[in-house]
Amino acid sequence: MSKALGLISGGLDSSLAAMTLMRQGIEVTGIAFVTPFFNADKAKIAAETIGHPLIIENIGNIHLDMVKMPKYGYGRNMNPCIDCHAMMFQLAGKRMLAEGFDFLFSGEVLGQRPMSQNANALRSVANLSGFPEKVLRPLSAKLLPITSMEESGLVDRAQLLDLQGRSRRPQQALAKEWGLHNYPGSGGGCLLTEEGFSNQLRDLFNHDPKATVADVELLKVGRQFRLSATAKLILGRHRADNEALQQQLKPEQIKLRCQNFSGPLGLFCGDPTRQELEIAAAIVASYGKGKDEAEVDVLFISATEEFVRRVKPMPRELSRQLLIR
């Protein structure tokens, strides 16, 4: 029995790709990668539903390095899909060699995404991965050049599929026929495809090329205000944000909150100047219960000291001009 290792996102396409191989007796194992931009939650559910083992690997640091300088550039937003898919195939390929799998597969469909899933892009991904002869796309295999796995009999090409194009109806029909009823809708799995998050990430890279995974994680929390080239304020929107900011606080960062009024927690990131701290305090005050007061006391808490600044809450229309969105 041949053994396949597949990139599993948990979406319909990767699930059907796994099922296509399993239906012809191939032993399938999935692998799902975790980065600051996507997780393995859907992949876990899909693997349990279909009934195959799943390997989960965190690749946050090396993936972030790739996102900063992708060889093939970005899509509509900050999504370097070709480089990302190639990296995942490369990492899966190393496991394939180490753990005795025969080949790799994914749920990519020819023509589903014009930029990253055309014939040239699929070929580039395979070549860039370092394992071009070991990559199979079961859902579109009959429309692609025959692979060594099919020629050698590891895979029965007759039982592979010929799906192409952007319509999801053929996949939905297959899911119904094969009894796969619970699967997530298309898209929405990667933050790099979202415009707002991509704008914040671009701002981070522009002002801090050495940004870390921890810095990226902070982009997921609260409102982000750009105060200067070296300073930023993150402001919680609700209790969960405030708790997340508290948990992710670094020793060099400064917490801000209104002293005599309830309101959000602020996190000052960067090298502070007096003017920047005044601006940050005014923004924090403007989002608290004292926003209509003439002046509000804002408490600053750093790793070495605490102090209070009395500021006038910034008019909301002015603070919105500093929002990164």
Protein backbone atom coordinates (compact mmCIF):
# COMPACT_ATOMS: atom_id res chain seq x y z
CA MET A 1 0.00 0.00 0.00
CA SER A 2 1.37 3.41 -0.96
CA LYS A 3 1.58 6.18 1.63
CA ALA A 4 0.81 9.83 0.92
CA LEU A 5 1.43 12.94 2.98
CA GLY A 6 -0.94 15.78 2.17
CA LEU A 7 -1.21 19.49 2.92
CA ILE A 8 -4.49 19.75 4.79
CA SER A 9 -6.13 23.12 5.44
CA GLY A 10 -9.45 21.71 6.55
CA GLY A 11 -11.27 23.23 3.60
CA LEU A 12 -13.37 21.31 1.11
CA ASP A 13 -10.68 20.93 -1.54
CA SER A 14 -7.98 19.41 0.66
CA SER A 15 -10.56 17.14 2.28
CA LEU A 16 -11.73 15.87 -1.12
CA ALA A 17 -8.12 15.39 -2.25
CA ALA A 18 -7.49 13.17 0.78
CA MET A 19 -10.71 11.25 0.17
CA THR A 20 -9.88 10.76 -3.52
CA LEU A 21 -6.71 8.92 -2.55
CA MET A 22 -8.23 7.05 0.37
CA ARG A 23 -10.99 5.72 -1.89
CA GLN A 24 -8.37 3.88 -3.94
CA GLY A 25 -6.73 2.35 -0.90
CA ILE A 26 -3.85 4.76 -0.38
CA GLU A 27 -2.78 5.37 3.23
CA VAL A 28 -3.19 9.10 3.81
CA THR A 29 -1.65 11.26 6.51
CA GLY A 30 -2.26 15.00 6.62
CA ILE A 31 0.06 17.77 7.70
CA ALA A 32 -1.12 21.20 8.80
CA PHE A 33 1.14 24.16 9.50
CA VAL A 34 0.64 26.83 12.14
CA THR A 35 1.88 30.40 11.63
CA PRO A 36 0.84 33.82 12.98
CA PHE A 37 -1.46 34.05 9.95
CA PHE A 38 -3.38 30.77 10.11
CA ASN A 39 -3.89 27.85 12.46
CA ALA A 40 -4.73 24.16 12.25
CA ASP A 41 -8.19 24.23 13.84
CA LYS A 42 -10.09 23.42 10.65
CA ALA A 43 -7.54 20.79 9.67
CA LYS A 44 -8.07 19.00 12.99
CA ILE A 45 -11.81 18.84 12.42
CA ALA A 46 -11.39 17.67 8.82
CA ALA A 47 -8.94 14.92 9.77
CA GLU A 48 -11.26 13.64 12.48
CA THR A 49 -14.24 13.77 10.11
CA ILE A 50 -12.53 11.93 7.26
CA GLY A 51 -10.54 9.61 9.48
CA HIS A 52 -6.84 10.08 8.76
CA PRO A 53 -3.89 10.99 11.01
CA LEU A 54 -2.78 14.62 11.14
CA ILE A 55 0.66 16.09 11.85
CA ILE A 56 0.70 19.67 13.14
CA GLU A 57 3.87 21.73 12.86
CA ASN A 58 4.48 25.31 13.96
CA ILE A 59 6.57 27.18 11.38
CA GLY A 60 5.99 30.72 12.61
CA ASN A 61 9.53 32.09 12.46
CA ILE A 62 10.62 30.73 9.08
CA HIS A 63 7.24 31.53 7.56
CA LEU A 64 7.46 35.13 8.77
CA ASP A 65 10.92 35.48 7.19
CA MET A 66 9.46 34.30 3.89
CA VAL A 67 6.47 36.67 4.11
CA LYS A 68 8.87 39.60 4.49
CA MET A 69 10.68 38.81 1.21
CA PRO A 70 8.74 36.37 -1.02
CA LYS A 71 10.46 35.42 -4.25
CA TYR A 72 7.24 35.50 -6.26
CA GLY A 73 5.74 38.55 -4.54
CA TYR A 74 2.29 39.08 -3.10
CA GLY A 75 -1.25 38.59 -4.29
CA ARG A 76 -3.96 41.21 -3.90
CA ASN A 77 -2.93 41.83 -0.30
CA MET A 78 0.10 40.53 1.63
CA ASN A 79 -0.45 36.90 0.63
CA PRO A 80 2.63 35.30 -1.00
CA CYS A 81 0.66 32.21 -2.06
CA ILE A 82 3.19 30.68 -4.45
CA ASP A 83 6.07 31.00 -1.99
CA CYS A 84 3.87 29.83 0.87
CA HIS A 85 2.67 26.69 -0.90
CA ALA A 86 6.20 25.93 -2.01
CA MET A 87 7.50 26.28 1.55
CA MET A 88 4.83 23.94 2.87
CA PHE A 89 5.62 21.35 0.20
CA GLN A 90 9.33 21.72 0.99
CA LEU A 91 8.79 21.12 4.70
CA ALA A 92 6.36 18.28 4.04
CA GLY A 93 8.90 16.81 1.61
CA LYS A 94 11.51 16.58 4.33
CA ARG A 95 9.04 14.63 6.46
CA MET A 96 8.21 12.46 3.48
CA LEU A 97 11.84 11.41 3.17
CA ALA A 98 12.37 11.01 6.90
CA GLU A 99 9.18 9.08 7.64
CA GLY A 100 8.80 6.88 4.59
CA PHE A 101 5.95 8.45 2.66
CA ASP A 102 5.85 7.83 -1.09
CA PHE A 103 4.60 11.22 -2.31
CA LEU A 104 2.96 14.53 -1.42
CA PHE A 105 -0.44 15.92 -2.36
CA SER A 106 -2.63 18.98 -1.94
CA GLY A 107 -6.16 20.11 -2.72
CA GLU A 108 -5.15 22.72 -5.29
CA VAL A 109 -7.51 22.99 -8.26
CA LEU A 110 -6.31 24.15 -11.67
CA GLY A 111 -7.62 27.64 -12.41
CA GLN A 112 -9.44 28.11 -9.12
CA ARG A 113 -7.24 31.09 -8.24
CA PRO A 114 -6.04 32.89 -11.36
CA MET A 115 -2.71 34.03 -9.90
CA SER A 116 -1.60 31.12 -7.73
CA GLN A 117 -3.32 28.08 -9.23
CA ASN A 118 -2.78 28.42 -12.96
CA ALA A 119 -0.66 25.79 -14.67
CA ASN A 120 2.54 27.85 -14.50
CA ALA A 121 2.04 28.64 -10.82
CA LEU A 122 1.40 25.01 -9.92
CA ARG A 123 4.57 24.02 -11.75
CA SER A 124 6.54 26.81 -10.04
CA VAL A 125 5.33 25.69 -6.61
CA ALA A 126 6.43 22.13 -7.27
CA ASN A 127 9.82 23.20 -8.61
CA LEU A 128 10.44 25.70 -5.82
CA SER A 129 9.61 23.06 -3.19
CA GLY A 130 12.54 20.90 -4.25
CA PHE A 131 10.30 17.88 -4.78
CA PRO A 132 8.76 18.48 -8.23
CA GLU A 133 8.49 14.75 -9.04
CA LYS A 134 6.68 13.94 -5.80
CA VAL A 135 3.79 16.44 -5.88
CA LEU A 136 0.31 15.26 -6.86
CA ARG A 137 -2.87 17.36 -7.19
CA PRO A 138 -5.57 14.65 -7.11
CA LEU A 139 -8.48 16.99 -7.92
CA SER A 140 -6.99 18.18 -11.24
CA ALA A 141 -4.51 15.38 -11.97
CA LYS A 142 -6.13 14.30 -15.25
CA LEU A 143 -5.62 17.83 -16.63
CA LEU A 144 -1.97 18.00 -15.55
CA PRO A 145 1.10 16.11 -16.80
CA ILE A 146 1.26 12.55 -15.55
CA THR A 147 3.43 12.09 -12.48
CA SER A 148 5.93 9.38 -11.64
CA MET A 149 3.55 8.09 -8.95
CA GLU A 150 0.92 7.39 -11.60
CA GLU A 151 3.41 5.90 -14.05
CA SER A 152 4.79 3.52 -11.42
CA GLY A 153 1.37 2.40 -10.24
CA LEU A 154 1.51 3.96 -6.78
CA VAL A 155 -1.59 5.92 -7.80
CA ASP A 156 -4.33 4.91 -10.23
CA ARG A 157 -4.69 7.88 -12.59
CA ALA A 158 -8.10 6.60 -13.71
CA GLN A 159 -9.47 7.26 -10.22
CA LEU A 160 -8.12 10.81 -10.03
CA LEU A 161 -10.20 13.84 -11.03
CA ASP A 162 -10.31 16.54 -13.70
CA LEU A 163 -11.69 19.54 -11.81
CA GLN A 164 -10.81 23.06 -12.92
CA GLY A 165 -12.05 26.62 -12.68
CA ARG A 166 -13.45 28.81 -9.94
CA SER A 167 -16.85 27.19 -9.49
CA ARG A 168 -17.26 25.18 -6.30
CA ARG A 169 -20.27 23.25 -7.52
CA PRO A 170 -18.37 20.15 -8.70
CA GLN A 171 -16.66 19.86 -5.30
CA GLN A 172 -19.96 20.37 -3.48
CA ALA A 173 -21.56 17.66 -5.59
CA LEU A 174 -18.70 15.28 -4.81
CA ALA A 175 -18.95 16.04 -1.11
CA LYS A 176 -22.64 15.17 -1.15
CA GLU A 177 -22.00 11.98 -3.12
CA TRP A 178 -19.21 10.88 -0.79
CA GLY A 179 -21.07 11.75 2.40
CA LEU A 180 -18.96 14.73 3.43
CA HIS A 181 -21.55 17.09 4.85
CA ASN A 182 -19.77 19.33 7.34
CA TYR A 183 -17.06 21.49 5.82
CA PRO A 184 -16.23 25.21 6.05
CA GLY A 185 -16.93 27.70 3.28
CA SER A 186 -14.18 28.76 0.92
CA GLY A 187 -11.69 31.43 1.95
CA GLY A 188 -11.29 33.16 5.26
CA GLY A 189 -8.51 30.97 6.58
CA CYS A 190 -5.47 33.19 6.10
CA LEU A 191 -5.10 36.67 7.56
CA LEU A 192 -2.70 37.61 4.76
CA THR A 193 -5.63 37.69 2.32
CA GLU A 194 -7.51 40.27 4.43
CA GLU A 195 -7.07 43.91 3.43
CA GLY A 196 -7.19 45.45 6.91
CA PHE A 197 -4.72 43.03 8.45
CA SER A 198 -2.44 43.32 5.41
CA ASN A 199 -2.36 47.10 5.77
CA GLN A 200 -1.32 46.73 9.41
CA LEU A 201 1.32 44.14 8.55
CA ARG A 202 2.71 46.33 5.76
CA ASP A 203 2.93 49.22 8.20
CA LEU A 204 4.76 46.99 10.69
CA PHE A 205 7.30 45.79 8.12
CA ASN A 206 7.87 49.35 6.85
CA HIS A 207 8.64 50.67 10.32
CA ASP A 208 10.23 47.55 11.83
CA PRO A 209 11.84 45.23 9.27
CA LYS A 210 13.04 43.00 12.13
CA ALA A 211 9.50 42.44 13.43
CA THR A 212 9.04 39.13 15.21
CA VAL A 213 6.19 36.65 15.52
CA ALA A 214 5.26 38.32 18.81
CA ASP A 215 4.96 41.68 17.03
CA VAL A 216 2.68 40.14 14.42
CA GLU A 217 0.52 38.55 17.11
CA LEU A 218 -0.15 42.03 18.52
CA LEU A 219 -1.65 43.07 15.18
CA LYS A 220 -4.58 40.76 15.93
CA VAL A 221 -5.50 42.68 19.06
CA GLY A 222 -7.36 45.97 19.36
CA ARG A 223 -7.02 49.18 17.39
CA GLN A 224 -3.60 50.06 15.98
CA PHE A 225 -2.50 53.72 15.92
CA ARG A 226 0.68 54.89 14.18
CA LEU A 227 2.09 57.76 16.27
CA SER A 228 5.43 58.19 14.49
CA ALA A 229 7.99 56.25 12.50
CA THR A 230 9.19 54.61 15.73
CA ALA A 231 6.09 54.53 17.93
CA LYS A 232 2.70 52.87 17.90
CA LEU A 233 -0.24 52.59 20.29
CA ILE A 234 -2.45 49.50 20.52
CA LEU A 235 -5.79 50.06 22.19
CA GLY A 236 -8.10 47.31 23.40
CA ARG A 237 -11.68 47.29 22.10
CA HIS A 238 -13.16 45.07 24.81
CA ARG A 239 -12.18 42.99 27.82
CA ALA A 240 -10.77 40.12 25.74
CA ASP A 241 -8.46 42.57 23.95
CA ASN A 242 -7.34 44.09 27.24
CA GLU A 243 -6.53 40.65 28.62
CA ALA A 244 -4.64 39.70 25.45
CA LEU A 245 -2.58 42.90 25.61
CA GLN A 246 -1.78 42.22 29.25
CA GLN A 247 -0.62 38.69 28.42
CA GLN A 248 1.51 39.76 25.45
CA LEU A 249 3.18 42.71 27.18
CA LYS A 250 6.95 42.92 26.68
CA PRO A 251 9.26 44.38 29.35
CA GLU A 252 10.13 47.37 27.18
CA GLN A 253 6.52 48.32 26.47
CA ILE A 254 4.38 50.75 28.47
CA LYS A 255 0.80 50.20 29.59
CA LEU A 256 -1.66 53.09 29.70
CA ARG A 257 -5.12 53.37 31.21
CA CYS A 258 -7.39 56.08 32.54
CA GLN A 259 -6.93 56.46 36.28
CA ASN A 260 -10.37 57.70 37.36
CA PHE A 261 -12.59 56.41 34.56
CA SER A 262 -13.16 52.96 33.12
CA GLY A 263 -11.83 52.41 29.63
CA PRO A 264 -9.53 50.37 27.42
CA LEU A 265 -5.97 49.30 28.09
CA GLY A 266 -3.37 50.88 25.84
CA LEU A 267 0.01 49.45 24.92
CA PHE A 268 2.75 51.84 23.80
CA CYS A 269 5.29 50.20 21.47
CA GLY A 270 8.55 51.88 20.50
CA ASP A 271 11.03 54.39 21.90
CA PRO A 272 8.89 57.00 23.68
CA THR A 273 9.25 60.74 23.40
CA ARG A 274 7.30 63.13 25.60
CA GLN A 275 5.14 64.22 22.67
CA GLU A 276 4.32 60.66 21.65
CA LEU A 277 3.36 59.75 25.20
CA GLU A 278 1.06 62.79 25.34
CA ILE A 279 -0.61 61.73 22.08
CA ALA A 280 -1.00 58.14 23.29
CA ALA A 281 -2.54 59.32 26.57
CA ALA A 282 -4.96 61.61 24.74
CA ILE A 283 -6.12 58.73 22.55
CA VAL A 284 -6.57 56.42 25.55
CA ALA A 285 -8.59 59.13 27.28
CA SER A 286 -10.79 59.65 24.23
CA TYR A 287 -11.90 56.00 24.23
CA GLY A 288 -12.67 55.89 27.96
CA LYS A 289 -15.75 56.92 29.93
CA GLY A 290 -14.15 60.31 30.53
CA LYS A 291 -14.01 61.20 26.83
CA ASP A 292 -16.21 64.27 27.35
CA GLU A 293 -14.21 65.61 30.32
CA ALA A 294 -11.96 68.65 29.96
CA GLU A 295 -8.98 66.65 31.28
CA VAL A 296 -8.35 63.07 32.29
CA ASP A 297 -5.56 61.50 34.32
CA VAL A 298 -3.85 58.68 32.43
CA LEU A 299 -1.65 56.22 34.30
CA PHE A 300 1.54 54.97 32.65
CA ILE A 301 3.06 51.70 33.87
CA SER A 302 6.48 50.55 32.66
CA ALA A 303 8.83 47.87 33.94
CA THR A 304 10.68 50.45 36.05
CA GLU A 305 8.19 53.16 37.02
CA GLU A 306 4.62 54.45 37.19
CA PHE A 307 3.55 58.01 36.48
CA VAL A 308 0.43 60.00 35.62
CA ARG A 309 -0.17 62.54 32.89
CA ARG A 310 -3.20 64.81 32.83
CA VAL A 311 -4.36 65.25 29.25
CA LYS A 312 -7.27 66.52 27.20
CA PRO A 313 -9.04 63.64 25.43
CA MET A 314 -8.29 63.74 21.73
CA PRO A 315 -11.32 64.40 19.50
CA ARG A 316 -12.34 61.09 17.97
CA GLU A 317 -12.09 62.41 14.40
CA LEU A 318 -8.43 63.26 15.02
CA SER A 319 -7.57 59.92 16.59
CA ARG A 320 -9.13 58.10 13.62
CA GLN A 321 -6.62 59.80 11.34
CA LEU A 322 -3.87 57.88 13.14
CA LEU A 323 -5.58 54.48 12.80
CA ILE A 324 -3.80 51.91 10.64
CA ARG A 325 -6.52 50.32 8.52
